[in-house]
Structures are given as C-alpha cells and as structure tokens.
Amino acid sequence: MKKIASRSTHPTSLVFAVALLALMVFGGPGLSRAATAEHSKAKAAKPKIDTHLEARIKALHAKLKITPAQEQLWNKVAQTMRENDKTMDALVEAREKNAGTMNAVQDLQSYAKLVQAHANCINRFIPPFEALYASMSASQKKNADKLFRYHPHQMKREKAK
C-alpha cells in the first residue's frame, strides 16, 4: 500500500488564521449570534471610551516595550486599533439588529461582511505597525515576533479556558 503525502492548503485555514490574528490584535467581537448577543449586553454598559480596548492597547504597549522615541509611531498603531474597533462594532451592531429577521442566506452574507471587515482591519493595521516594527531594536522585534506569531497549540489552550 502506498503512502500518499498530502499537503493541502485550504482557503478556510487562511480565513481562520486571519480571523485569529484579528482577534489577537483587535480583540474583535465574536462572530456568532451568541457572541454578538453577549457583545450587545456588554456594549449597553460600555462607557464612551472603550476601557477594554484601551486596556488591550496599554497591555500591548507594555509587552512591546515601546520607548519614548517610538511613541509617535505607537500612537498611529493605537489609533488604527481604535478605528478598527469602531468599524467592527458598527458591523456587529447591524448584525445584532437584524439577527432575528435574517434568513440563512442573509445570515451568511452578514457573517461574510464581518470576516471581510476583519481582513480589511488587518490590512489597515499593517502599515502603521510595519513603521513601528522598523524602528524597534532587535530584542523588541524578537518579542513582537513572538507576540504576533500564530500558535495553533495556544488557541487550543485558550478554547479550553
């Protein structure tokens, strides 16, 4: 019996990786109806400034060990994160508003808009982050590489929590 080595790359894997990265970077809201309902409840109690987002920005600032000389570049990264969060919030809000009246096709179309928005947000995030990354020391870059590297085993652990 012959062993056949299979190396298939599925578009689904790419979408999953992009969505995972978006969630890591932006901490975007969940994409399922149940998750969007939870997001809606949290949003109702949400102050004008998104404290959860600001905490993520502050934590990433600390983890990346941003220097005073890098603050201007960092501020562009943080602003992009805020803008991306607003974009995602608006789409999730629209999805939540229509969740009870959408048929299966409309639901899939709504989900596709969210996935595409995640990809667009990542694409908007890359240029300011790339400029910041270029200014980093070798040790900062090594640290950033670890923070942004895709780790399938980490996701399994996070799902278990």
N, C-alpha and C. Protein backbone atom coordinates (compact mmCIF):
# COMPACT_ATOMS: atom_id res chain seq x y z
N MET A 1 0.84 -1.17 0.00
CA MET A 1 0.00 0.00 0.00
C MET A 1 0.89 1.25 0.00
N LYS A 2 0.62 2.17 -0.89
CA LYS A 2 1.41 3.39 -0.99
C LYS A 2 0.93 4.42 0.02
N LYS A 3 1.90 5.12 0.58
CA LYS A 3 1.56 6.25 1.43
C LYS A 3 1.55 7.49 0.55
N ILE A 4 0.50 8.23 0.62
CA ILE A 4 0.41 9.45 -0.17
C ILE A 4 0.45 10.63 0.79
N ALA A 5 1.49 11.44 0.59
CA ALA A 5 1.63 12.62 1.43
C ALA A 5 0.70 13.70 0.88
N SER A 6 -0.05 14.27 1.75
CA SER A 6 -0.99 15.30 1.32
C SER A 6 -0.62 16.62 1.97
N ARG A 7 -0.43 17.62 1.15
CA ARG A 7 -0.17 18.97 1.62
C ARG A 7 -1.22 19.88 1.02
N SER A 8 -2.34 19.95 1.64
CA SER A 8 -3.37 20.81 1.08
C SER A 8 -3.51 22.05 1.93
N THR A 9 -3.60 23.16 1.30
CA THR A 9 -3.85 24.42 1.97
C THR A 9 -5.25 24.84 1.59
N HIS A 10 -6.09 24.89 2.57
CA HIS A 10 -7.48 25.23 2.33
C HIS A 10 -7.70 26.71 2.55
N PRO A 11 -8.51 27.34 1.72
CA PRO A 11 -8.84 28.75 1.95
C PRO A 11 -9.43 28.95 3.34
N THR A 12 -10.12 27.96 3.84
CA THR A 12 -10.71 28.05 5.17
C THR A 12 -9.63 28.25 6.22
N SER A 13 -8.50 27.56 6.06
CA SER A 13 -7.40 27.70 7.00
C SER A 13 -6.87 29.12 7.00
N LEU A 14 -6.77 29.71 5.82
CA LEU A 14 -6.28 31.08 5.71
C LEU A 14 -7.26 32.04 6.38
N VAL A 15 -8.54 31.88 6.13
CA VAL A 15 -9.55 32.74 6.74
C VAL A 15 -9.49 32.60 8.25
N PHE A 16 -9.34 31.37 8.72
CA PHE A 16 -9.26 31.12 10.15
C PHE A 16 -8.05 31.81 10.75
N ALA A 17 -6.90 31.70 10.08
CA ALA A 17 -5.68 32.33 10.57
C ALA A 17 -5.83 33.85 10.60
N VAL A 18 -6.43 34.42 9.58
CA VAL A 18 -6.65 35.87 9.52
C VAL A 18 -7.59 36.30 10.65
N ALA A 19 -8.66 35.56 10.83
CA ALA A 19 -9.60 35.90 11.90
C ALA A 19 -8.95 35.79 13.27
N LEU A 20 -8.12 34.77 13.46
CA LEU A 20 -7.42 34.59 14.73
C LEU A 20 -6.49 35.76 14.99
N LEU A 21 -5.72 36.15 13.97
CA LEU A 21 -4.82 37.28 14.12
C LEU A 21 -5.60 38.54 14.45
N ALA A 22 -6.72 38.74 13.77
CA ALA A 22 -7.54 39.92 14.04
C ALA A 22 -8.02 39.92 15.48
N LEU A 23 -8.44 38.78 15.95
CA LEU A 23 -8.91 38.71 17.33
C LEU A 23 -7.78 38.97 18.31
N MET A 24 -6.57 38.48 17.98
CA MET A 24 -5.43 38.73 18.85
C MET A 24 -5.08 40.21 18.88
N VAL A 25 -5.07 40.84 17.71
CA VAL A 25 -4.66 42.23 17.61
C VAL A 25 -5.76 43.17 18.04
N PHE A 26 -6.96 42.94 17.55
CA PHE A 26 -8.05 43.87 17.79
C PHE A 26 -8.97 43.42 18.90
N GLY A 27 -8.89 42.14 19.25
CA GLY A 27 -9.80 41.63 20.25
C GLY A 27 -11.23 41.83 19.81
N GLY A 28 -11.45 41.70 18.53
CA GLY A 28 -12.74 41.98 17.93
C GLY A 28 -13.84 41.16 18.56
N PRO A 29 -15.05 41.63 18.42
CA PRO A 29 -16.18 40.92 18.98
C PRO A 29 -16.38 39.57 18.30
N GLY A 30 -17.03 38.68 19.00
CA GLY A 30 -17.29 37.36 18.44
C GLY A 30 -18.15 37.44 17.20
N LEU A 31 -18.10 36.40 16.41
CA LEU A 31 -18.80 36.45 15.14
C LEU A 31 -20.11 35.66 15.15
N SER A 32 -20.33 34.86 16.15
CA SER A 32 -21.56 34.08 16.18
C SER A 32 -22.70 34.91 16.76
N ARG A 33 -23.92 34.45 16.56
CA ARG A 33 -25.07 35.17 17.12
C ARG A 33 -24.99 35.22 18.64
N ALA A 34 -24.59 34.11 19.25
CA ALA A 34 -24.50 34.08 20.71
C ALA A 34 -23.45 35.07 21.20
N ALA A 35 -22.32 35.11 20.52
CA ALA A 35 -21.26 36.03 20.91
C ALA A 35 -21.68 37.47 20.67
N THR A 36 -22.39 37.72 19.59
CA THR A 36 -22.81 39.09 19.32
C THR A 36 -23.85 39.53 20.34
N ALA A 37 -24.66 38.61 20.83
CA ALA A 37 -25.63 38.96 21.87
C ALA A 37 -24.91 39.36 23.15
N GLU A 38 -23.85 38.60 23.51
CA GLU A 38 -23.05 38.95 24.68
C GLU A 38 -22.41 40.31 24.49
N HIS A 39 -21.90 40.55 23.28
CA HIS A 39 -21.27 41.82 22.96
C HIS A 39 -22.28 42.96 23.11
N SER A 40 -23.51 42.72 22.70
CA SER A 40 -24.55 43.73 22.79
C SER A 40 -24.81 44.11 24.24
N LYS A 41 -24.89 43.11 25.13
CA LYS A 41 -25.12 43.37 26.55
C LYS A 41 -23.96 44.18 27.12
N ALA A 42 -22.73 43.79 26.76
CA ALA A 42 -21.56 44.50 27.27
C ALA A 42 -21.51 45.92 26.73
N LYS A 43 -21.92 46.09 25.49
CA LYS A 43 -21.88 47.41 24.85
C LYS A 43 -22.88 48.36 25.52
N ALA A 44 -24.00 47.82 25.97
CA ALA A 44 -25.00 48.66 26.62
C ALA A 44 -24.41 49.32 27.87
N ALA A 45 -23.52 48.61 28.54
CA ALA A 45 -22.89 49.14 29.75
C ALA A 45 -21.57 49.83 29.44
N LYS A 46 -21.20 49.88 28.18
CA LYS A 46 -19.90 50.39 27.76
C LYS A 46 -19.86 51.92 27.84
N PRO A 47 -18.85 52.45 28.52
CA PRO A 47 -18.72 53.91 28.55
C PRO A 47 -18.27 54.43 27.18
N LYS A 48 -18.27 55.75 27.03
CA LYS A 48 -17.91 56.36 25.76
C LYS A 48 -16.53 55.88 25.30
N ILE A 49 -15.57 55.80 26.21
CA ILE A 49 -14.25 55.28 25.88
C ILE A 49 -14.29 53.78 26.17
N ASP A 50 -13.88 52.99 25.21
CA ASP A 50 -13.89 51.53 25.37
C ASP A 50 -12.73 51.14 26.27
N THR A 51 -13.03 50.90 27.54
CA THR A 51 -11.98 50.61 28.51
C THR A 51 -11.30 49.27 28.21
N HIS A 52 -12.06 48.32 27.66
CA HIS A 52 -11.47 47.02 27.31
C HIS A 52 -10.44 47.20 26.20
N LEU A 53 -10.79 47.96 25.19
CA LEU A 53 -9.85 48.24 24.10
C LEU A 53 -8.65 49.01 24.62
N GLU A 54 -8.89 50.00 25.44
CA GLU A 54 -7.78 50.80 25.97
C GLU A 54 -6.85 49.94 26.83
N ALA A 55 -7.42 48.98 27.55
CA ALA A 55 -6.59 48.06 28.34
C ALA A 55 -5.73 47.19 27.42
N ARG A 56 -6.31 46.74 26.29
CA ARG A 56 -5.54 45.94 25.32
C ARG A 56 -4.41 46.76 24.72
N ILE A 57 -4.71 48.02 24.40
CA ILE A 57 -3.69 48.90 23.83
C ILE A 57 -2.56 49.11 24.84
N LYS A 58 -2.92 49.37 26.08
CA LYS A 58 -1.93 49.59 27.13
C LYS A 58 -1.08 48.33 27.35
N ALA A 59 -1.73 47.16 27.36
CA ALA A 59 -1.00 45.91 27.56
C ALA A 59 -0.04 45.64 26.41
N LEU A 60 -0.49 45.88 25.18
CA LEU A 60 0.37 45.67 24.03
C LEU A 60 1.54 46.64 24.06
N HIS A 61 1.29 47.88 24.46
CA HIS A 61 2.36 48.89 24.60
C HIS A 61 3.43 48.37 25.55
N ALA A 62 2.99 47.84 26.68
CA ALA A 62 3.94 47.32 27.68
C ALA A 62 4.68 46.09 27.17
N LYS A 63 3.94 45.16 26.56
CA LYS A 63 4.56 43.93 26.06
C LYS A 63 5.58 44.20 24.96
N LEU A 64 5.31 45.21 24.14
CA LEU A 64 6.24 45.56 23.06
C LEU A 64 7.38 46.45 23.55
N LYS A 65 7.29 46.90 24.79
CA LYS A 65 8.33 47.74 25.41
C LYS A 65 8.61 48.98 24.56
N ILE A 66 7.55 49.71 24.27
CA ILE A 66 7.65 50.91 23.44
C ILE A 66 8.47 51.97 24.17
N THR A 67 9.43 52.52 23.46
CA THR A 67 10.30 53.55 24.03
C THR A 67 9.70 54.93 23.79
N PRO A 68 10.16 55.93 24.54
CA PRO A 68 9.67 57.30 24.30
C PRO A 68 9.89 57.74 22.84
N ALA A 69 10.99 57.33 22.24
CA ALA A 69 11.28 57.69 20.85
C ALA A 69 10.28 57.06 19.88
N GLN A 70 9.63 55.97 20.29
CA GLN A 70 8.69 55.25 19.42
C GLN A 70 7.23 55.67 19.66
N GLU A 71 7.00 56.55 20.61
CA GLU A 71 5.63 56.92 20.98
C GLU A 71 4.80 57.45 19.81
N GLN A 72 5.39 58.28 18.97
CA GLN A 72 4.64 58.83 17.85
C GLN A 72 4.18 57.72 16.90
N LEU A 73 5.07 56.77 16.62
CA LEU A 73 4.70 55.63 15.78
C LEU A 73 3.67 54.77 16.48
N TRP A 74 3.85 54.55 17.78
CA TRP A 74 2.90 53.76 18.55
C TRP A 74 1.51 54.39 18.53
N ASN A 75 1.46 55.72 18.66
CA ASN A 75 0.17 56.41 18.67
C ASN A 75 -0.61 56.15 17.38
N LYS A 76 0.08 56.02 16.26
CA LYS A 76 -0.59 55.70 14.99
C LYS A 76 -1.13 54.27 15.01
N VAL A 77 -0.37 53.36 15.61
CA VAL A 77 -0.83 51.98 15.75
C VAL A 77 -2.08 51.94 16.63
N ALA A 78 -2.01 52.62 17.78
CA ALA A 78 -3.13 52.63 18.71
C ALA A 78 -4.37 53.26 18.08
N GLN A 79 -4.18 54.35 17.32
CA GLN A 79 -5.31 54.99 16.67
C GLN A 79 -5.96 54.07 15.65
N THR A 80 -5.14 53.34 14.92
CA THR A 80 -5.67 52.37 13.94
C THR A 80 -6.47 51.29 14.66
N MET A 81 -5.99 50.85 15.81
CA MET A 81 -6.73 49.85 16.58
C MET A 81 -8.09 50.40 17.00
N ARG A 82 -8.12 51.66 17.41
CA ARG A 82 -9.39 52.28 17.83
C ARG A 82 -10.35 52.40 16.64
N GLU A 83 -9.83 52.83 15.51
CA GLU A 83 -10.68 52.97 14.32
C GLU A 83 -11.21 51.61 13.86
N ASN A 84 -10.35 50.61 13.90
CA ASN A 84 -10.77 49.26 13.51
C ASN A 84 -11.84 48.74 14.46
N ASP A 85 -11.69 49.03 15.73
CA ASP A 85 -12.69 48.59 16.71
C ASP A 85 -14.04 49.23 16.43
N LYS A 86 -14.04 50.52 16.07
CA LYS A 86 -15.29 51.21 15.73
C LYS A 86 -15.94 50.57 14.50
N THR A 87 -15.12 50.25 13.52
CA THR A 87 -15.63 49.60 12.30
C THR A 87 -16.31 48.29 12.64
N MET A 88 -15.64 47.47 13.44
CA MET A 88 -16.18 46.16 13.79
C MET A 88 -17.42 46.31 14.67
N ASP A 89 -17.40 47.25 15.59
CA ASP A 89 -18.57 47.47 16.44
C ASP A 89 -19.80 47.81 15.61
N ALA A 90 -19.63 48.67 14.61
CA ALA A 90 -20.76 49.07 13.77
C ALA A 90 -21.33 47.87 13.01
N LEU A 91 -20.45 47.02 12.48
CA LEU A 91 -20.93 45.84 11.75
C LEU A 91 -21.62 44.85 12.67
N VAL A 92 -21.06 44.65 13.84
CA VAL A 92 -21.68 43.72 14.80
C VAL A 92 -23.03 44.26 15.25
N GLU A 93 -23.10 45.56 15.47
CA GLU A 93 -24.37 46.17 15.88
C GLU A 93 -25.44 45.96 14.81
N ALA A 94 -25.07 46.16 13.55
CA ALA A 94 -26.02 45.95 12.45
C ALA A 94 -26.44 44.49 12.38
N ARG A 95 -25.50 43.58 12.58
CA ARG A 95 -25.81 42.15 12.55
C ARG A 95 -26.78 41.80 13.68
N GLU A 96 -26.50 42.33 14.87
CA GLU A 96 -27.36 42.06 16.02
C GLU A 96 -28.77 42.60 15.79
N LYS A 97 -28.84 43.80 15.23
CA LYS A 97 -30.13 44.44 14.99
C LYS A 97 -31.01 43.61 14.07
N ASN A 98 -30.39 42.97 13.08
CA ASN A 98 -31.14 42.21 12.08
C ASN A 98 -31.15 40.70 12.33
N ALA A 99 -30.52 40.25 13.40
CA ALA A 99 -30.36 38.81 13.63
C ALA A 99 -31.69 38.05 13.64
N GLY A 100 -32.71 38.63 14.21
CA GLY A 100 -33.99 37.93 14.31
C GLY A 100 -34.78 37.85 13.01
N THR A 101 -34.42 38.66 12.05
CA THR A 101 -35.19 38.70 10.80
C THR A 101 -34.44 38.16 9.59
N MET A 102 -33.16 37.84 9.77
CA MET A 102 -32.37 37.36 8.63
C MET A 102 -32.69 35.90 8.32
N ASN A 103 -32.76 35.60 7.03
CA ASN A 103 -32.85 34.19 6.65
C ASN A 103 -31.43 33.63 6.59
N ALA A 104 -31.29 32.37 6.27
CA ALA A 104 -29.98 31.70 6.29
C ALA A 104 -28.99 32.37 5.34
N VAL A 105 -29.44 32.74 4.17
CA VAL A 105 -28.55 33.38 3.19
C VAL A 105 -28.10 34.75 3.70
N GLN A 106 -29.02 35.51 4.22
CA GLN A 106 -28.68 36.84 4.76
C GLN A 106 -27.73 36.72 5.94
N ASP A 107 -27.94 35.69 6.76
CA ASP A 107 -27.06 35.46 7.89
C ASP A 107 -25.63 35.18 7.41
N LEU A 108 -25.52 34.33 6.39
CA LEU A 108 -24.19 34.04 5.84
C LEU A 108 -23.57 35.28 5.22
N GLN A 109 -24.36 36.08 4.54
CA GLN A 109 -23.84 37.32 3.95
C GLN A 109 -23.36 38.28 5.04
N SER A 110 -24.09 38.36 6.11
CA SER A 110 -23.71 39.21 7.23
C SER A 110 -22.41 38.73 7.85
N TYR A 111 -22.29 37.43 8.01
CA TYR A 111 -21.06 36.84 8.55
C TYR A 111 -19.89 37.12 7.61
N ALA A 112 -20.11 37.01 6.31
CA ALA A 112 -19.06 37.28 5.33
C ALA A 112 -18.58 38.73 5.44
N LYS A 113 -19.50 39.66 5.68
CA LYS A 113 -19.11 41.06 5.85
C LYS A 113 -18.19 41.23 7.06
N LEU A 114 -18.50 40.50 8.14
CA LEU A 114 -17.66 40.57 9.33
C LEU A 114 -16.27 40.01 9.07
N VAL A 115 -16.21 38.87 8.40
CA VAL A 115 -14.91 38.26 8.10
C VAL A 115 -14.10 39.17 7.19
N GLN A 116 -14.74 39.75 6.18
CA GLN A 116 -14.05 40.67 5.27
C GLN A 116 -13.58 41.91 6.02
N ALA A 117 -14.40 42.39 6.92
CA ALA A 117 -14.02 43.57 7.71
C ALA A 117 -12.79 43.27 8.56
N HIS A 118 -12.73 42.07 9.15
CA HIS A 118 -11.54 41.67 9.91
C HIS A 118 -10.31 41.74 9.02
N ALA A 119 -10.42 41.20 7.82
CA ALA A 119 -9.28 41.22 6.89
C ALA A 119 -8.91 42.66 6.53
N ASN A 120 -9.91 43.50 6.28
CA ASN A 120 -9.63 44.90 5.98
C ASN A 120 -8.95 45.61 7.15
N CYS A 121 -9.39 45.29 8.35
CA CYS A 121 -8.79 45.90 9.54
C CYS A 121 -7.32 45.48 9.68
N ILE A 122 -7.03 44.24 9.42
CA ILE A 122 -5.64 43.79 9.47
C ILE A 122 -4.82 44.53 8.43
N ASN A 123 -5.37 44.67 7.23
CA ASN A 123 -4.65 45.38 6.17
C ASN A 123 -4.41 46.85 6.53
N ARG A 124 -5.35 47.48 7.25
CA ARG A 124 -5.15 48.86 7.70
C ARG A 124 -4.13 48.93 8.83
N PHE A 125 -4.06 47.87 9.63
CA PHE A 125 -3.15 47.83 10.78
C PHE A 125 -1.69 47.64 10.36
N ILE A 126 -1.47 46.92 9.28
CA ILE A 126 -0.11 46.56 8.89
C ILE A 126 0.79 47.78 8.65
N PRO A 127 0.41 48.78 7.83
CA PRO A 127 1.35 49.89 7.58
C PRO A 127 1.83 50.63 8.84
N PRO A 128 0.93 51.04 9.75
CA PRO A 128 1.47 51.72 10.94
C PRO A 128 2.29 50.77 11.82
N PHE A 129 1.88 49.50 11.89
CA PHE A 129 2.66 48.56 12.69
C PHE A 129 4.01 48.29 12.03
N GLU A 130 4.03 48.21 10.72
CA GLU A 130 5.28 47.98 10.00
C GLU A 130 6.27 49.13 10.26
N ALA A 131 5.78 50.36 10.27
CA ALA A 131 6.65 51.51 10.57
C ALA A 131 7.19 51.42 11.99
N LEU A 132 6.33 51.06 12.93
CA LEU A 132 6.77 50.89 14.31
C LEU A 132 7.80 49.76 14.40
N TYR A 133 7.51 48.66 13.77
CA TYR A 133 8.39 47.48 13.80
C TYR A 133 9.78 47.84 13.25
N ALA A 134 9.81 48.64 12.20
CA ALA A 134 11.09 49.05 11.59
C ALA A 134 11.93 49.86 12.58
N SER A 135 11.28 50.54 13.51
CA SER A 135 12.01 51.36 14.50
C SER A 135 12.46 50.56 15.72
N MET A 136 12.04 49.32 15.82
CA MET A 136 12.33 48.53 17.02
C MET A 136 13.76 48.00 17.04
N SER A 137 14.23 47.81 18.26
CA SER A 137 15.53 47.16 18.46
C SER A 137 15.38 45.68 18.13
N ALA A 138 16.50 45.00 18.03
CA ALA A 138 16.47 43.56 17.73
C ALA A 138 15.69 42.80 18.80
N SER A 139 15.86 43.15 20.07
CA SER A 139 15.13 42.44 21.13
C SER A 139 13.64 42.75 21.09
N GLN A 140 13.28 43.99 20.76
CA GLN A 140 11.86 44.32 20.61
C GLN A 140 11.24 43.55 19.45
N LYS A 141 11.96 43.47 18.34
CA LYS A 141 11.46 42.73 17.18
C LYS A 141 11.25 41.26 17.53
N LYS A 142 12.21 40.69 18.24
CA LYS A 142 12.10 39.29 18.63
C LYS A 142 10.86 39.10 19.50
N ASN A 143 10.63 40.01 20.41
CA ASN A 143 9.46 39.97 21.28
C ASN A 143 8.17 40.12 20.47
N ALA A 144 8.15 41.08 19.54
CA ALA A 144 6.97 41.29 18.69
C ALA A 144 6.70 40.05 17.84
N ASP A 145 7.76 39.44 17.34
CA ASP A 145 7.60 38.23 16.53
C ASP A 145 6.91 37.14 17.34
N LYS A 146 7.28 37.01 18.61
CA LYS A 146 6.63 36.02 19.48
C LYS A 146 5.17 36.38 19.74
N LEU A 147 4.91 37.65 19.99
CA LEU A 147 3.54 38.09 20.29
C LEU A 147 2.59 37.90 19.11
N PHE A 148 3.08 38.10 17.90
CA PHE A 148 2.22 38.06 16.73
C PHE A 148 2.29 36.74 15.96
N ARG A 149 3.12 35.83 16.40
CA ARG A 149 3.24 34.55 15.70
C ARG A 149 2.01 33.70 15.97
N TYR A 150 1.54 33.04 14.95
CA TYR A 150 0.38 32.14 15.06
C TYR A 150 0.83 30.86 15.75
N HIS A 151 0.15 30.50 16.81
CA HIS A 151 0.45 29.28 17.56
C HIS A 151 -0.82 28.45 17.70
N PRO A 152 -1.00 27.45 16.84
CA PRO A 152 -2.23 26.64 16.93
C PRO A 152 -2.43 26.01 18.31
N HIS A 153 -1.35 25.59 18.96
CA HIS A 153 -1.50 24.94 20.26
C HIS A 153 -1.97 25.94 21.32
N GLN A 154 -1.63 27.22 21.19
CA GLN A 154 -2.11 28.22 22.13
C GLN A 154 -3.61 28.38 22.01
N MET A 155 -4.10 28.35 20.80
CA MET A 155 -5.52 28.51 20.59
C MET A 155 -6.29 27.37 21.26
N LYS A 156 -5.75 26.17 21.17
CA LYS A 156 -6.41 25.02 21.81
C LYS A 156 -6.50 25.26 23.32
N ARG A 157 -5.42 25.78 23.91
CA ARG A 157 -5.42 26.07 25.34
C ARG A 157 -6.42 27.17 25.68
N GLU A 158 -6.48 28.21 24.82
CA GLU A 158 -7.39 29.31 25.08
C GLU A 158 -8.85 28.86 24.96
N LYS A 159 -9.14 27.94 24.04
CA LYS A 159 -10.50 27.44 23.89
C LYS A 159 -10.92 26.66 25.14
N ALA A 160 -9.96 25.97 25.75
CA ALA A 160 -10.26 25.14 26.91
C ALA A 160 -10.60 25.99 28.13
N LYS A 161 -10.15 27.23 28.16
CA LYS A 161 -10.38 28.10 29.34
C LYS A 161 -11.81 28.49 29.48
